[in-house]
Structures are given as structure tokens and as C-alpha cells.
PDB file of all heavy atoms in Angstrom:
ATOM      1  N   ILE A   1     -69.606   5.357 133.740  1.00  0.00           N
ATOM      2  CA  ILE A   1     -68.271   5.798 133.484  1.00  0.00           C
ATOM      3  C   ILE A   1     -67.935   5.742 132.014  1.00  0.00           C
ATOM      4  O   ILE A   1     -68.202   4.804 131.320  1.00  0.00           O
ATOM      5  CB  ILE A   1     -67.256   4.882 134.233  1.00  0.00           C
ATOM      6  CG1 ILE A   1     -67.536   4.883 135.713  1.00  0.00           C
ATOM      7  CG2 ILE A   1     -65.803   5.325 133.954  1.00  0.00           C
ATOM      8  CD1 ILE A   1     -67.340   6.124 136.475  1.00  0.00           C
ATOM      9  N   ILE A   2     -67.259   6.811 131.478  1.00  0.00           N
ATOM     10  CA  ILE A   2     -66.839   6.753 130.103  1.00  0.00           C
ATOM     11  C   ILE A   2     -65.529   5.939 130.216  1.00  0.00           C
ATOM     12  O   ILE A   2     -64.527   6.281 130.876  1.00  0.00           O
ATOM     13  CB  ILE A   2     -66.451   8.183 129.545  1.00  0.00           C
ATOM     14  CG1 ILE A   2     -67.799   8.984 129.342  1.00  0.00           C
ATOM     15  CG2 ILE A   2     -65.841   8.131 128.197  1.00  0.00           C
ATOM     16  CD1 ILE A   2     -67.689  10.416 128.978  1.00  0.00           C
ATOM     17  N   SER A   3     -65.561   4.847 129.443  1.00  0.00           N
ATOM     18  CA  SER A   3     -64.403   4.002 129.546  1.00  0.00           C
ATOM     19  C   SER A   3     -63.437   4.085 128.434  1.00  0.00           C
ATOM     20  O   SER A   3     -62.165   3.649 128.556  1.00  0.00           O
ATOM     21  CB  SER A   3     -64.845   2.437 129.594  1.00  0.00           C
ATOM     22  OG  SER A   3     -65.649   2.173 128.555  1.00  0.00           O
ATOM     23  N   GLY A   4     -63.773   4.784 127.469  1.00  0.00           N
ATOM     24  CA  GLY A   4     -62.752   5.053 126.405  1.00  0.00           C
ATOM     25  C   GLY A   4     -63.354   5.702 125.164  1.00  0.00           C
ATOM     26  O   GLY A   4     -64.621   5.910 125.053  1.00  0.00           O
ATOM     27  N   VAL A   5     -62.495   6.090 124.223  1.00  0.00           N
ATOM     28  CA  VAL A   5     -62.873   6.647 122.888  1.00  0.00           C
ATOM     29  C   VAL A   5     -62.564   5.725 121.881  1.00  0.00           C
ATOM     30  O   VAL A   5     -61.439   5.178 121.862  1.00  0.00           O
ATOM     31  CB  VAL A   5     -62.136   8.032 122.720  1.00  0.00           C
ATOM     32  CG1 VAL A   5     -62.608   8.660 121.485  1.00  0.00           C
ATOM     33  CG2 VAL A   5     -62.442   8.995 123.929  1.00  0.00           C
ATOM     34  N   ARG A   6     -63.600   5.304 121.064  1.00  0.00           N
ATOM     35  CA  ARG A   6     -63.417   4.334 119.987  1.00  0.00           C
ATOM     36  C   ARG A   6     -63.612   4.897 118.718  1.00  0.00           C
ATOM     37  O   ARG A   6     -64.430   5.847 118.431  1.00  0.00           O
ATOM     38  CB  ARG A   6     -64.337   3.215 120.195  1.00  0.00           C
ATOM     39  CG  ARG A   6     -64.306   2.501 121.593  1.00  0.00           C
ATOM     40  CD  ARG A   6     -63.072   1.811 121.766  1.00  0.00           C
ATOM     41  NE  ARG A   6     -63.071   1.175 123.113  1.00  0.00           N
ATOM     42  CZ  ARG A   6     -62.048   1.310 124.017  1.00  0.00           C
ATOM     43  NH1 ARG A   6     -61.053   2.016 123.671  1.00  0.00           N
ATOM     44  NH2 ARG A   6     -62.132   0.738 125.130  1.00  0.00           N
ATOM     45  N   ASN A   7     -62.919   4.444 117.601  1.00  0.00           N
ATOM     46  CA  ASN A   7     -63.137   4.831 116.302  1.00  0.00           C
ATOM     47  C   ASN A   7     -63.544   3.679 115.501  1.00  0.00           C
ATOM     48  O   ASN A   7     -62.973   2.554 115.571  1.00  0.00           O
ATOM     49  CB  ASN A   7     -61.827   5.379 115.604  1.00  0.00           C
ATOM     50  CG  ASN A   7     -61.426   6.740 116.281  1.00  0.00           C
ATOM     51  OD1 ASN A   7     -62.222   7.718 116.202  1.00  0.00           O
ATOM     52  ND2 ASN A   7     -60.339   6.746 116.983  1.00  0.00           N
ATOM     53  N   HIS A   8     -64.648   3.791 114.620  1.00  0.00           N
ATOM     54  CA  HIS A   8     -65.240   2.783 113.929  1.00  0.00           C
ATOM     55  C   HIS A   8     -65.726   3.387 112.621  1.00  0.00           C
ATOM     56  O   HIS A   8     -66.524   4.288 112.530  1.00  0.00           O
ATOM     57  CB  HIS A   8     -66.330   2.196 114.675  1.00  0.00           C
ATOM     58  CG  HIS A   8     -67.066   1.061 113.859  1.00  0.00           C
ATOM     59  ND1 HIS A   8     -66.492  -0.155 113.640  1.00  0.00           N
ATOM     60  CD2 HIS A   8     -68.249   0.988 113.225  1.00  0.00           C
ATOM     61  CE1 HIS A   8     -67.315  -0.915 112.925  1.00  0.00           C
ATOM     62  NE2 HIS A   8     -68.448  -0.206 112.720  1.00  0.00           N
ATOM     63  N   GLU A   9     -65.211   2.876 111.497  1.00  0.00           N
ATOM     64  CA  GLU A   9     -65.539   3.291 110.112  1.00  0.00           C
ATOM     65  C   GLU A   9     -65.488   4.798 109.967  1.00  0.00           C
ATOM     66  O   GLU A   9     -66.262   5.422 109.396  1.00  0.00           O
ATOM     67  CB  GLU A   9     -66.987   2.753 109.724  1.00  0.00           C
ATOM     68  CG  GLU A   9     -66.930   1.189 109.660  1.00  0.00           C
ATOM     69  CD  GLU A   9     -68.282   0.683 109.284  1.00  0.00           C
ATOM     70  OE1 GLU A   9     -69.235   1.415 109.122  1.00  0.00           O
ATOM     71  OE2 GLU A   9     -68.373  -0.558 109.107  1.00  0.00           O
ATOM     72  N   GLY A  10     -64.389   5.470 110.588  1.00  0.00           N
ATOM     73  CA  GLY A  10     -64.207   6.876 110.394  1.00  0.00           C
ATOM     74  C   GLY A  10     -64.919   7.746 111.366  1.00  0.00           C
ATOM     75  O   GLY A  10     -64.964   9.001 111.262  1.00  0.00           O
ATOM     76  N   ASN A  11     -65.660   7.119 112.355  1.00  0.00           N
ATOM     77  CA  ASN A  11     -66.501   7.913 113.276  1.00  0.00           C
ATOM     78  C   ASN A  11     -65.962   7.693 114.602  1.00  0.00           C
ATOM     79  O   ASN A  11     -65.486   6.517 114.941  1.00  0.00           O
ATOM     80  CB  ASN A  11     -67.923   7.490 113.263  1.00  0.00           C
ATOM     81  CG  ASN A  11     -68.629   7.862 111.986  1.00  0.00           C
ATOM     82  OD1 ASN A  11     -68.607   8.950 111.522  1.00  0.00           O
ATOM     83  ND2 ASN A  11     -69.363   6.815 111.345  1.00  0.00           N
ATOM     84  N   THR A  12     -65.996   8.698 115.540  1.00  0.00           N
ATOM     85  CA  THR A  12     -65.529   8.599 116.871  1.00  0.00           C
ATOM     86  C   THR A  12     -66.827   8.417 117.743  1.00  0.00           C
ATOM     87  O   THR A  12     -67.772   9.029 117.675  1.00  0.00           O
ATOM     88  CB  THR A  12     -64.842   9.915 117.189  1.00  0.00           C
ATOM     89  OG1 THR A  12     -63.719  10.036 116.354  1.00  0.00           O
ATOM     90  CG2 THR A  12     -64.328   9.858 118.669  1.00  0.00           C
ATOM     91  N   TYR A  13     -66.635   7.440 118.673  1.00  0.00           N
ATOM     92  CA  TYR A  13     -67.628   7.248 119.785  1.00  0.00           C
ATOM     93  C   TYR A  13     -67.036   7.207 121.197  1.00  0.00           C
ATOM     94  O   TYR A  13     -65.940   6.734 121.342  1.00  0.00           O
ATOM     95  CB  TYR A  13     -68.328   5.846 119.506  1.00  0.00           C
ATOM     96  CG  TYR A  13     -69.041   5.795 118.163  1.00  0.00           C
ATOM     97  CD1 TYR A  13     -68.485   5.306 117.028  1.00  0.00           C
ATOM     98  CD2 TYR A  13     -70.395   6.317 118.041  1.00  0.00           C
ATOM     99  CE1 TYR A  13     -69.055   5.276 115.819  1.00  0.00           C
ATOM    100  CE2 TYR A  13     -71.039   6.222 116.840  1.00  0.00           C
ATOM    101  CZ  TYR A  13     -70.298   5.767 115.738  1.00  0.00           C
ATOM    102  OH  TYR A  13     -70.992   5.644 114.495  1.00  0.00           O
ATOM    103  N   LEU A  14     -67.933   7.594 122.112  1.00  0.00           N
ATOM    104  CA  LEU A  14     -67.475   7.434 123.578  1.00  0.00           C
ATOM    105  C   LEU A  14     -68.035   6.108 123.908  1.00  0.00           C
ATOM    106  O   LEU A  14     -69.242   5.859 123.883  1.00  0.00           O
ATOM    107  CB  LEU A  14     -68.122   8.587 124.409  1.00  0.00           C
ATOM    108  CG  LEU A  14     -67.712   9.975 123.950  1.00  0.00           C
ATOM    109  CD1 LEU A  14     -68.529  10.970 124.865  1.00  0.00           C
ATOM    110  CD2 LEU A  14     -66.286  10.173 123.949  1.00  0.00           C
ATOM    111  N   GLN A  15     -67.207   5.213 124.476  1.00  0.00           N
ATOM    112  CA  GLN A  15     -67.723   3.943 125.008  1.00  0.00           C
ATOM    113  C   GLN A  15     -67.858   4.129 126.535  1.00  0.00           C
ATOM    114  O   GLN A  15     -67.058   4.677 127.230  1.00  0.00           O
ATOM    115  CB  GLN A  15     -66.676   2.833 124.855  1.00  0.00           C
ATOM    116  CG  GLN A  15     -67.178   1.492 125.365  1.00  0.00           C
ATOM    117  CD  GLN A  15     -66.025   0.450 125.133  1.00  0.00           C
ATOM    118  OE1 GLN A  15     -65.311   0.443 124.154  1.00  0.00           O
ATOM    119  NE2 GLN A  15     -65.992  -0.490 126.055  1.00  0.00           N
ATOM    120  N   SER A  16     -68.963   3.640 127.064  1.00  0.00           N
ATOM    121  CA  SER A  16     -69.286   3.778 128.484  1.00  0.00           C
ATOM    122  C   SER A  16     -70.077   2.551 128.924  1.00  0.00           C
ATOM    123  O   SER A  16     -70.520   1.616 128.195  1.00  0.00           O
ATOM    124  CB  SER A  16     -70.118   5.009 128.733  1.00  0.00           C
ATOM    125  OG  SER A  16     -71.432   4.984 128.271  1.00  0.00           O
ATOM    126  N   ASP A  17     -70.245   2.527 130.306  1.00  0.00           N
ATOM    127  CA  ASP A  17     -71.091   1.501 130.902  1.00  0.00           C
ATOM    128  C   ASP A  17     -72.400   2.153 131.507  1.00  0.00           C
ATOM    129  O   ASP A  17     -73.068   1.573 132.239  1.00  0.00           O
ATOM    130  CB  ASP A  17     -70.360   0.806 132.019  1.00  0.00           C
ATOM    131  CG  ASP A  17     -69.966   1.686 133.268  1.00  0.00           C
ATOM    132  OD1 ASP A  17     -70.206   2.853 133.188  1.00  0.00           O
ATOM    133  OD2 ASP A  17     -69.550   1.119 134.282  1.00  0.00           O
ATOM    134  N   VAL A  18     -72.739   3.303 130.925  1.00  0.00           N
ATOM    135  CA  VAL A  18     -73.999   3.953 131.271  1.00  0.00           C
ATOM    136  C   VAL A  18     -75.043   3.077 130.753  1.00  0.00           C
ATOM    137  O   VAL A  18     -75.020   2.673 129.575  1.00  0.00           O
ATOM    138  CB  VAL A  18     -74.053   5.395 130.697  1.00  0.00           C
ATOM    139  CG1 VAL A  18     -75.460   5.974 131.025  1.00  0.00           C
ATOM    140  CG2 VAL A  18     -72.965   6.271 131.214  1.00  0.00           C
ATOM    141  N   SER A  19     -76.041   2.737 131.592  1.00  0.00           N
ATOM    142  CA  SER A  19     -77.119   1.959 131.220  1.00  0.00           C
ATOM    143  C   SER A  19     -77.974   2.602 130.152  1.00  0.00           C
ATOM    144  O   SER A  19     -78.556   3.666 130.419  1.00  0.00           O
ATOM    145  CB  SER A  19     -78.025   1.422 132.449  1.00  0.00           C
ATOM    146  OG  SER A  19     -79.023   0.687 132.041  1.00  0.00           O
ATOM    147  N   ILE A  20     -78.280   1.979 128.989  1.00  0.00           N
ATOM    148  CA  ILE A  20     -79.095   2.450 128.013  1.00  0.00           C
ATOM    149  C   ILE A  20     -80.147   1.522 127.649  1.00  0.00           C
ATOM    150  O   ILE A  20     -79.994   0.327 127.582  1.00  0.00           O
ATOM    151  CB  ILE A  20     -78.334   2.681 126.670  1.00  0.00           C
ATOM    152  CG1 ILE A  20     -77.129   3.668 126.886  1.00  0.00           C
ATOM    153  CG2 ILE A  20     -79.199   3.270 125.579  1.00  0.00           C
ATOM    154  CD1 ILE A  20     -77.489   5.024 127.370  1.00  0.00           C
ATOM    155  N   ASN A  21     -81.442   2.031 127.571  1.00  0.00           N
ATOM    156  CA  ASN A  21     -82.638   1.233 127.371  1.00  0.00           C
ATOM    157  C   ASN A  21     -83.159   1.451 125.967  1.00  0.00           C
ATOM    158  O   ASN A  21     -82.954   2.556 125.429  1.00  0.00           O
ATOM    159  CB  ASN A  21     -83.671   1.430 128.468  1.00  0.00           C
ATOM    160  CG  ASN A  21     -83.244   1.165 129.809  1.00  0.00           C
ATOM    161  OD1 ASN A  21     -82.916  -0.068 130.081  1.00  0.00           O
ATOM    162  ND2 ASN A  21     -83.092   2.163 130.622  1.00  0.00           N
ATOM    163  N   PRO A  22     -83.888   0.550 125.324  1.00  0.00           N
ATOM    164  CA  PRO A  22     -84.428   0.762 124.056  1.00  0.00           C
ATOM    165  C   PRO A  22     -85.318   2.033 124.127  1.00  0.00           C
ATOM    166  O   PRO A  22     -86.136   2.219 125.052  1.00  0.00           O
ATOM    167  CB  PRO A  22     -85.312  -0.468 123.713  1.00  0.00           C
ATOM    168  CG  PRO A  22     -84.648  -1.523 124.532  1.00  0.00           C
ATOM    169  CD  PRO A  22     -84.137  -0.809 125.807  1.00  0.00           C
ATOM    170  N   GLY A  23     -85.171   2.892 123.133  1.00  0.00           N
ATOM    171  CA  GLY A  23     -85.902   4.212 123.128  1.00  0.00           C
ATOM    172  C   GLY A  23     -85.107   5.339 123.652  1.00  0.00           C
ATOM    173  O   GLY A  23     -85.481   6.456 123.498  1.00  0.00           O
ATOM    174  N   SER A  24     -83.955   5.032 124.327  1.00  0.00           N
ATOM    175  CA  SER A  24     -83.163   6.191 124.921  1.00  0.00           C
ATOM    176  C   SER A  24     -82.188   6.780 123.889  1.00  0.00           C
ATOM    177  O   SER A  24     -81.534   7.786 124.250  1.00  0.00           O
ATOM    178  CB  SER A  24     -82.529   5.732 126.247  1.00  0.00           C
ATOM    179  OG  SER A  24     -83.436   5.519 127.193  1.00  0.00           O
ATOM    180  N   SER A  25     -82.023   6.208 122.789  1.00  0.00           N
ATOM    181  CA  SER A  25     -80.930   6.673 121.783  1.00  0.00           C
ATOM    182  C   SER A  25     -81.423   8.080 121.367  1.00  0.00           C
ATOM    183  O   SER A  25     -82.700   8.342 121.328  1.00  0.00           O
ATOM    184  CB  SER A  25     -80.974   5.887 120.566  1.00  0.00           C
ATOM    185  OG  SER A  25     -80.402   4.609 120.766  1.00  0.00           O
ATOM    186  N   GLY A  26     -80.444   8.939 121.276  1.00  0.00           N
ATOM    187  CA  GLY A  26     -80.650  10.377 120.902  1.00  0.00           C
ATOM    188  C   GLY A  26     -80.734  11.306 122.112  1.00  0.00           C
ATOM    189  O   GLY A  26     -80.766  12.478 122.023  1.00  0.00           O
ATOM    190  N   GLY A  27     -80.669  10.591 123.353  1.00  0.00           N
ATOM    191  CA  GLY A  27     -80.764  11.390 124.520  1.00  0.00           C
ATOM    192  C   GLY A  27     -79.342  12.040 124.841  1.00  0.00           C
ATOM    193  O   GLY A  27     -78.338  11.598 124.227  1.00  0.00           O
ATOM    194  N   ALA A  28     -79.280  12.846 125.783  1.00  0.00           N
ATOM    195  CA  ALA A  28     -78.059  13.654 126.098  1.00  0.00           C
ATOM    196  C   ALA A  28     -77.287  12.739 127.061  1.00  0.00           C
ATOM    197  O   ALA A  28     -77.732  12.063 127.972  1.00  0.00           O
ATOM    198  CB  ALA A  28     -78.388  14.976 126.781  1.00  0.00           C
ATOM    199  N   LEU A  29     -75.860  12.827 126.927  1.00  0.00           N
ATOM    200  CA  LEU A  29     -74.986  12.342 127.819  1.00  0.00           C
ATOM    201  C   LEU A  29     -74.249  13.605 128.419  1.00  0.00           C
ATOM    202  O   LEU A  29     -73.732  14.359 127.676  1.00  0.00           O
ATOM    203  CB  LEU A  29     -73.889  11.452 127.128  1.00  0.00           C
ATOM    204  CG  LEU A  29     -73.010  10.698 128.050  1.00  0.00           C
ATOM    205  CD1 LEU A  29     -73.744   9.507 128.797  1.00  0.00           C
ATOM    206  CD2 LEU A  29     -71.852  10.070 127.146  1.00  0.00           C
ATOM    207  N   VAL A  30     -74.353  13.675 129.705  1.00  0.00           N
ATOM    208  CA  VAL A  30     -73.723  14.840 130.374  1.00  0.00           C
ATOM    209  C   VAL A  30     -72.776  14.363 131.511  1.00  0.00           C
ATOM    210  O   VAL A  30     -72.790  13.266 131.890  1.00  0.00           O
ATOM    211  CB  VAL A  30     -74.891  15.783 131.009  1.00  0.00           C
ATOM    212  CG1 VAL A  30     -75.832  16.242 129.977  1.00  0.00           C
ATOM    213  CG2 VAL A  30     -75.598  14.990 132.125  1.00  0.00           C
ATOM    214  N   ASN A  31     -71.914  15.346 131.853  1.00  0.00           N
ATOM    215  CA  ASN A  31     -71.032  15.006 132.977  1.00  0.00           C
ATOM    216  C   ASN A  31     -71.549  15.341 134.326  1.00  0.00           C
ATOM    217  O   ASN A  31     -72.743  15.882 134.391  1.00  0.00           O
ATOM    218  CB  ASN A  31     -69.596  15.559 132.685  1.00  0.00           C
ATOM    219  CG  ASN A  31     -69.541  17.080 132.849  1.00  0.00           C
ATOM    220  OD1 ASN A  31     -70.329  17.662 133.563  1.00  0.00           O
ATOM    221  ND2 ASN A  31     -68.482  17.652 132.292  1.00  0.00           N
ATOM    222  N   GLU A  32     -70.752  15.272 135.348  1.00  0.00           N
ATOM    223  CA  GLU A  32     -71.263  15.467 136.701  1.00  0.00           C
ATOM    224  C   GLU A  32     -71.776  16.888 137.002  1.00  0.00           C
ATOM    225  O   GLU A  32     -72.624  17.090 137.790  1.00  0.00           O
ATOM    226  CB  GLU A  32     -70.217  15.093 137.762  1.00  0.00           C
ATOM    227  CG  GLU A  32     -69.889  13.746 137.903  1.00  0.00           C
ATOM    228  CD  GLU A  32     -68.884  13.455 138.960  1.00  0.00           C
ATOM    229  OE1 GLU A  32     -67.748  13.832 138.807  1.00  0.00           O
ATOM    230  OE2 GLU A  32     -69.291  12.804 140.003  1.00  0.00           O
ATOM    231  N   LYS A  33     -71.161  17.888 136.308  1.00  0.00           N
ATOM    232  CA  LYS A  33     -71.443  19.233 136.512  1.00  0.00           C
ATOM    233  C   LYS A  33     -72.676  19.696 135.522  1.00  0.00           C
ATOM    234  O   LYS A  33     -72.947  20.848 135.629  1.00  0.00           O
ATOM    235  CB  LYS A  33     -70.265  20.033 136.400  1.00  0.00           C
ATOM    236  CG  LYS A  33     -69.342  19.791 137.534  1.00  0.00           C
ATOM    237  CD  LYS A  33     -68.038  20.553 137.417  1.00  0.00           C
ATOM    238  CE  LYS A  33     -67.131  20.162 138.646  1.00  0.00           C
ATOM    239  NZ  LYS A  33     -65.867  20.829 138.609  1.00  0.00           N
ATOM    240  N   GLY A  34     -73.071  18.835 134.587  1.00  0.00           N
ATOM    241  CA  GLY A  34     -74.173  19.184 133.739  1.00  0.00           C
ATOM    242  C   GLY A  34     -73.809  19.485 132.304  1.00  0.00           C
ATOM    243  O   GLY A  34     -74.620  19.314 131.425  1.00  0.00           O
ATOM    244  N   PRO A  35     -72.552  19.819 131.873  1.00  0.00           N
ATOM    245  CA  PRO A  35     -72.291  20.089 130.558  1.00  0.00           C
ATOM    246  C   PRO A  35     -72.557  18.846 129.652  1.00  0.00           C
ATOM    247  O   PRO A  35     -72.245  17.742 129.989  1.00  0.00           O
ATOM    248  CB  PRO A  35     -70.748  20.413 130.541  1.00  0.00           C
ATOM    249  CG  PRO A  35     -70.584  21.055 131.813  1.00  0.00           C
ATOM    250  CD  PRO A  35     -71.475  20.194 132.774  1.00  0.00           C
ATOM    251  N   PHE A  36     -72.977  19.167 128.392  1.00  0.00           N
ATOM    252  CA  PHE A  36     -73.279  18.181 127.400  1.00  0.00           C
ATOM    253  C   PHE A  36     -71.984  17.640 126.831  1.00  0.00           C
ATOM    254  O   PHE A  36     -71.181  18.415 126.445  1.00  0.00           O
ATOM    255  CB  PHE A  36     -74.093  18.997 126.392  1.00  0.00           C
ATOM    256  CG  PHE A  36     -74.533  18.178 125.089  1.00  0.00           C
ATOM    257  CD1 PHE A  36     -75.074  17.046 125.115  1.00  0.00           C
ATOM    258  CD2 PHE A  36     -74.358  18.871 123.880  1.00  0.00           C
ATOM    259  CE1 PHE A  36     -75.521  16.299 123.966  1.00  0.00           C
ATOM    260  CE2 PHE A  36     -74.828  18.247 122.734  1.00  0.00           C
ATOM    261  CZ  PHE A  36     -75.437  16.964 122.874  1.00  0.00           C
ATOM    262  N   VAL A  37     -71.852  16.265 126.908  1.00  0.00           N
ATOM    263  CA  VAL A  37     -70.685  15.674 126.391  1.00  0.00           C
ATOM    264  C   VAL A  37     -70.945  14.698 125.161  1.00  0.00           C
ATOM    265  O   VAL A  37     -69.969  14.338 124.490  1.00  0.00           O
ATOM    266  CB  VAL A  37     -69.765  14.965 127.361  1.00  0.00           C
ATOM    267  CG1 VAL A  37     -69.271  15.992 128.437  1.00  0.00           C
ATOM    268  CG2 VAL A  37     -70.612  13.857 128.099  1.00  0.00           C
TER     269      VAL A  37
END
């Protein structure tokens, strides 16, 4: 779930509880219908 939108040092980030493993950075985050978010 996307739990919020955070700002850090002038950058915007989506905070979520989606499980991320080492090496998965740079991968796509998509919604239920497939669009790239």
C-alpha cells in the first residue's frame, strides 16, 4: 500500500509498505490496473 507522500531535501517520494529486496531498486512501481506510478 502507498501510505503517503514524503518530501526530503527538496525531493518527493512515495512511502509504501511494498516489500523491496536488495537489487530491486530501479524497478517499476505500478498500480492494480498496471499504470506506472
